[in-house]
Amino acid sequence: MREWFYPGSKIILTTRNVALLEAHEPCTRHDVQTLNLMDSLELFSWHAFGDSLPPEHYKEHSKRILEQCQGLPLALKVIGASLHGKKVDVWKSAIEKLEVIPHSNVQKILRISYDSLQDDHDRDLFLEIACFYNGEAKSWVVGVLDECNYYTIIGIENLIDRCLLKIENEKLRMHHSIQSMGREIICQQSRREPGKRSRLWYYKDSLEVLANEMVRCETFLSGNCKYSCIAYFSFLPGVWSY
């Protein structure tokens, strides 16, 4: 398509799918980085307050939101705009909710990359990493998940191509907002009953499920039974054995 443009023109393409760039003529590729702390604060402040810096009594609240956004411009803009003109007590409540439940508008946009993965193997691999393996050594994760038939090496490459994952110092790195999106997908499987979810990573949810299973076991054994029952749990991430 380059002949369509006048000689010397600069053509800039943006995509979440790196393979689209590699499939055509050679080009200079640049991985867009997240914003540093000062730029994050300025972008957030313009959308939240219409100024380059937050008012004094909003600084601490703004800092907590920046920790959640981790330099992602999309999150900074969407969350900043949603809090524009709101009182301090609304900010406090919103931040507490944000630390537990990701912002829905941010999640909808980020989920486009997840939904575009080519098959369930890649989607399940993404969810495993989001729930259990973010920050772990790549070689160790490959060894564990290959035993679970995840085709881990090619799956990791596919996640990198879709900008859902990075490798830094031989460790898997997933942005906080992307990890939150993956965990929210799991929570949506059963919001009120953790035992119906495919994966558990939060210790309180795990304890609740274990407690419920022990109650069922005790109820079963409380009658005039001639047999005993042993329940055991394998804590390999993503796998429950009874």
Protein backbone atom coordinates (compact mmCIF):
# COMPACT_ATOMS: atom_id res chain seq x y z
CA MET A 1 0.00 0.00 0.00
CA ARG A 2 3.01 2.29 0.27
CA GLU A 3 2.71 3.42 -3.34
CA TRP A 4 -0.57 5.12 -2.41
CA PHE A 5 1.34 7.76 -0.46
CA TYR A 6 3.59 10.60 -1.56
CA PRO A 7 7.35 9.75 -1.28
CA GLY A 8 8.66 10.67 2.17
CA SER A 9 5.31 10.21 3.91
CA LYS A 10 5.35 8.71 7.41
CA ILE A 11 2.83 5.91 7.89
CA ILE A 12 1.94 5.09 11.50
CA LEU A 13 -0.05 1.96 12.32
CA THR A 14 -1.29 1.00 15.78
CA THR A 15 -2.49 -2.49 16.64
CA ARG A 16 -2.96 -4.92 19.52
CA ASN A 17 -1.96 -7.79 17.21
CA VAL A 18 1.79 -7.74 16.57
CA ALA A 19 1.46 -10.44 13.89
CA LEU A 20 -0.27 -7.93 11.60
CA LEU A 21 2.93 -5.85 11.49
CA GLU A 22 5.19 -8.83 10.86
CA ALA A 23 3.05 -10.10 7.98
CA HIS A 24 3.79 -7.17 5.65
CA GLU A 25 6.80 -5.24 4.44
CA PRO A 26 9.62 -4.52 6.92
CA CYS A 27 8.86 -1.63 9.24
CA THR A 28 10.24 -0.03 12.36
CA ARG A 29 8.35 -1.39 15.36
CA HIS A 30 7.96 0.47 18.62
CA ASP A 31 6.33 -1.00 21.73
CA VAL A 32 4.31 1.76 23.36
CA GLN A 33 5.27 2.05 27.02
CA THR A 34 3.05 2.96 29.93
CA LEU A 35 3.29 6.48 31.38
CA ASN A 36 5.68 7.41 34.17
CA LEU A 37 4.36 8.75 37.48
CA MET A 38 4.45 12.46 36.60
CA ASP A 39 2.83 12.02 33.18
CA SER A 40 0.21 9.71 34.70
CA LEU A 41 -0.67 12.30 37.33
CA GLU A 42 -0.97 15.05 34.73
CA LEU A 43 -3.16 13.01 32.36
CA PHE A 44 -5.40 11.87 35.20
CA SER A 45 -5.67 15.39 36.64
CA TRP A 46 -6.73 16.95 33.33
CA HIS A 47 -9.65 14.51 33.10
CA ALA A 48 -10.56 14.56 36.81
CA PHE A 49 -10.05 18.25 37.62
CA GLY A 50 -9.49 20.11 34.35
CA ASP A 51 -5.99 21.04 35.54
CA SER A 52 -2.48 19.57 35.40
CA LEU A 53 -2.37 18.82 39.13
CA PRO A 54 -4.99 17.70 41.67
CA PRO A 55 -6.12 19.99 44.51
CA GLU A 56 -4.31 19.47 47.79
CA HIS A 57 -7.16 17.56 49.49
CA TYR A 58 -7.40 15.14 46.53
CA LYS A 59 -3.69 14.31 46.23
CA GLU A 60 -3.71 11.21 48.44
CA HIS A 61 -6.81 9.83 46.70
CA SER A 62 -5.26 10.50 43.29
CA LYS A 63 -2.12 8.63 44.35
CA ARG A 64 -4.16 5.53 45.21
CA ILE A 65 -5.83 5.61 41.80
CA LEU A 66 -2.47 5.95 40.04
CA GLU A 67 -1.31 2.82 41.87
CA GLN A 68 -4.27 0.95 40.38
CA CYS A 69 -3.84 2.31 36.84
CA GLN A 70 -0.04 1.73 36.69
CA GLY A 71 0.49 4.18 33.85
CA LEU A 72 -2.20 2.86 31.49
CA PRO A 73 -3.59 5.94 29.65
CA LEU A 74 -6.96 4.31 29.00
CA ALA A 75 -7.57 3.66 32.69
CA LEU A 76 -6.32 7.11 33.72
CA LYS A 77 -8.68 8.87 31.31
CA VAL A 78 -11.78 6.75 31.94
CA ILE A 79 -11.50 6.73 35.74
CA GLY A 80 -10.51 10.40 35.87
CA ALA A 81 -13.52 11.43 33.80
CA SER A 82 -15.86 9.27 35.92
CA LEU A 83 -14.78 11.11 39.11
CA HIS A 84 -14.84 14.61 37.66
CA GLY A 85 -16.83 16.96 39.90
CA LYS A 86 -17.44 14.31 42.59
CA LYS A 87 -17.05 14.99 46.32
CA VAL A 88 -14.31 13.46 48.49
CA ASP A 89 -16.61 10.87 50.07
CA VAL A 90 -17.59 9.64 46.59
CA TRP A 91 -13.90 9.35 45.70
CA LYS A 92 -13.22 7.27 48.82
CA SER A 93 -16.04 4.88 48.00
CA ALA A 94 -15.02 4.65 44.34
CA ILE A 95 -11.40 3.86 45.25
CA GLU A 96 -12.44 1.12 47.68
CA LYS A 97 -14.62 -0.41 44.98
CA LEU A 98 -11.89 -0.04 42.35
CA GLU A 99 -9.45 -1.98 44.54
CA VAL A 100 -11.87 -4.93 44.49
CA ILE A 101 -13.81 -4.62 41.24
CA PRO A 102 -12.14 -3.19 38.08
CA HIS A 103 -13.81 -0.29 36.26
CA SER A 104 -16.30 -1.78 33.77
CA ASN A 105 -15.57 0.62 30.87
CA VAL A 106 -11.83 -0.10 31.07
CA GLN A 107 -12.49 -3.84 31.24
CA LYS A 108 -14.75 -3.82 28.17
CA ILE A 109 -12.00 -2.28 26.02
CA LEU A 110 -9.20 -4.46 27.40
CA ARG A 111 -11.30 -7.60 26.92
CA ILE A 112 -11.28 -7.09 23.14
CA SER A 113 -7.76 -8.55 23.04
CA TYR A 114 -8.79 -11.51 25.21
CA ASP A 115 -11.87 -12.27 23.10
CA SER A 116 -9.79 -12.13 19.91
CA LEU A 117 -7.46 -14.97 21.02
CA GLN A 118 -7.67 -17.78 18.52
CA ASP A 119 -8.84 -20.66 20.76
CA ASP A 120 -9.81 -21.74 24.26
CA HIS A 121 -6.28 -23.03 24.98
CA ASP A 122 -4.87 -19.51 24.71
CA ARG A 123 -7.77 -18.02 26.66
CA ASP A 124 -7.36 -20.57 29.46
CA LEU A 125 -3.60 -19.99 29.53
CA PHE A 126 -4.22 -16.25 29.87
CA LEU A 127 -6.56 -16.85 32.81
CA GLU A 128 -4.05 -19.17 34.52
CA ILE A 129 -1.31 -16.54 34.29
CA ALA A 130 -3.65 -13.73 35.40
CA CYS A 131 -4.77 -15.71 38.45
CA PHE A 132 -1.55 -17.43 39.55
CA TYR A 133 1.63 -16.82 37.56
CA ASN A 134 2.11 -13.10 36.98
CA GLY A 135 5.72 -12.31 37.93
CA GLU A 136 6.87 -15.94 37.95
CA ALA A 137 9.84 -17.33 35.99
CA LYS A 138 8.85 -18.32 32.46
CA SER A 139 10.78 -21.63 32.55
CA TRP A 140 9.04 -22.71 35.76
CA VAL A 141 5.57 -21.79 34.47
CA VAL A 142 6.19 -23.67 31.22
CA GLY A 143 7.23 -26.75 33.18
CA VAL A 144 4.09 -26.67 35.33
CA LEU A 145 1.50 -25.86 32.67
CA ASP A 146 2.91 -28.16 29.99
CA GLU A 147 1.95 -31.00 32.35
CA CYS A 148 -1.62 -29.68 32.10
CA ASN A 149 -1.55 -29.78 28.26
CA TYR A 150 -1.52 -26.03 27.78
CA TYR A 151 1.04 -25.94 24.88
CA THR A 152 2.56 -23.20 26.98
CA ILE A 153 5.43 -21.91 24.82
CA ILE A 154 3.34 -21.18 21.72
CA GLY A 155 0.52 -19.94 23.97
CA ILE A 156 2.80 -17.42 25.68
CA GLU A 157 3.98 -16.18 22.29
CA ASN A 158 0.36 -15.69 21.21
CA LEU A 159 -0.37 -13.68 24.36
CA ILE A 160 2.70 -11.51 23.72
CA ASP A 161 1.56 -10.94 20.13
CA ARG A 162 -1.81 -9.71 21.45
CA CYS A 163 -0.09 -7.34 23.92
CA LEU A 164 -1.55 -9.21 26.89
CA LEU A 165 1.81 -10.31 28.29
CA LYS A 166 5.50 -9.36 28.36
CA ILE A 167 8.71 -11.18 29.25
CA GLU A 168 11.06 -9.15 31.44
CA ASN A 169 14.20 -10.71 32.92
CA GLU A 170 12.85 -14.14 31.95
CA LYS A 171 9.72 -13.56 34.03
CA LEU A 172 6.09 -13.25 32.94
CA ARG A 173 4.80 -9.71 33.36
CA MET A 174 1.15 -8.74 32.97
CA HIS A 175 -0.13 -5.20 33.50
CA HIS A 176 -2.24 -4.79 36.63
CA SER A 177 -5.35 -3.72 34.66
CA ILE A 178 -5.03 -6.69 32.30
CA GLN A 179 -4.56 -9.08 35.21
CA SER A 180 -7.63 -7.56 36.91
CA MET A 181 -9.60 -8.08 33.70
CA GLY A 182 -8.68 -11.78 33.67
CA ARG A 183 -9.59 -12.25 37.32
CA GLU A 184 -12.89 -10.43 36.78
CA ILE A 185 -13.75 -12.92 34.01
CA ILE A 186 -13.39 -15.69 36.59
CA CYS A 187 -15.46 -13.82 39.21
CA GLN A 188 -18.27 -13.40 36.69
CA GLN A 189 -18.64 -17.20 36.52
CA SER A 190 -20.29 -17.01 39.95
CA ARG A 191 -20.25 -13.74 41.81
CA ARG A 192 -21.73 -15.06 45.08
CA GLU A 193 -20.51 -18.68 45.16
CA PRO A 194 -16.70 -18.99 44.81
CA GLY A 195 -16.94 -22.78 44.71
CA LYS A 196 -18.58 -22.58 41.27
CA ARG A 197 -15.66 -20.65 39.75
CA SER A 198 -13.02 -22.42 37.67
CA ARG A 199 -10.13 -20.88 39.64
CA LEU A 200 -9.55 -19.51 43.14
CA TRP A 201 -6.64 -17.24 44.07
CA TYR A 202 -7.97 -15.15 46.99
CA TYR A 203 -7.33 -16.92 50.26
CA LYS A 204 -10.66 -15.97 51.85
CA ASP A 205 -12.58 -17.50 48.92
CA SER A 206 -10.44 -20.65 49.17
CA LEU A 207 -11.10 -20.94 52.92
CA GLU A 208 -14.83 -20.49 52.35
CA VAL A 209 -14.91 -23.30 49.79
CA LEU A 210 -12.83 -25.59 52.02
CA ALA A 211 -15.06 -24.86 55.01
CA ASN A 212 -18.19 -25.67 53.01
CA GLU A 213 -16.71 -28.95 51.81
CA MET A 214 -15.78 -29.93 55.40
CA VAL A 215 -19.35 -29.21 56.53
CA ARG A 216 -20.70 -31.48 53.78
CA CYS A 217 -18.22 -34.19 54.73
CA GLU A 218 -19.16 -33.98 58.43
CA THR A 219 -22.84 -34.14 57.52
CA PHE A 220 -22.19 -37.26 55.45
CA LEU A 221 -20.29 -38.95 58.30
CA SER A 222 -22.71 -37.97 61.05
CA GLY A 223 -25.16 -40.75 60.21
CA ASN A 224 -24.80 -44.45 60.97
CA CYS A 225 -22.17 -44.98 58.26
CA LYS A 226 -20.01 -48.07 58.03
CA TYR A 227 -17.43 -46.27 55.87
CA SER A 228 -15.03 -43.43 56.53
CA CYS A 229 -14.17 -40.67 54.09
CA ILE A 230 -10.89 -38.90 53.41
CA ALA A 231 -10.85 -35.61 51.55
CA TYR A 232 -7.60 -34.22 50.22
CA PHE A 233 -6.84 -31.08 48.31
CA SER A 234 -4.11 -30.54 45.76
CA PHE A 235 -3.03 -26.89 45.69
CA LEU A 236 -1.57 -26.90 42.19
CA PRO A 237 -2.90 -23.57 40.88
CA GLY A 238 -6.02 -24.05 38.83
CA VAL A 239 -6.48 -27.71 39.86
CA TRP A 240 -8.64 -28.99 42.71
CA SER A 241 -8.58 -32.65 43.75
CA TYR A 242 -10.99 -34.30 46.15
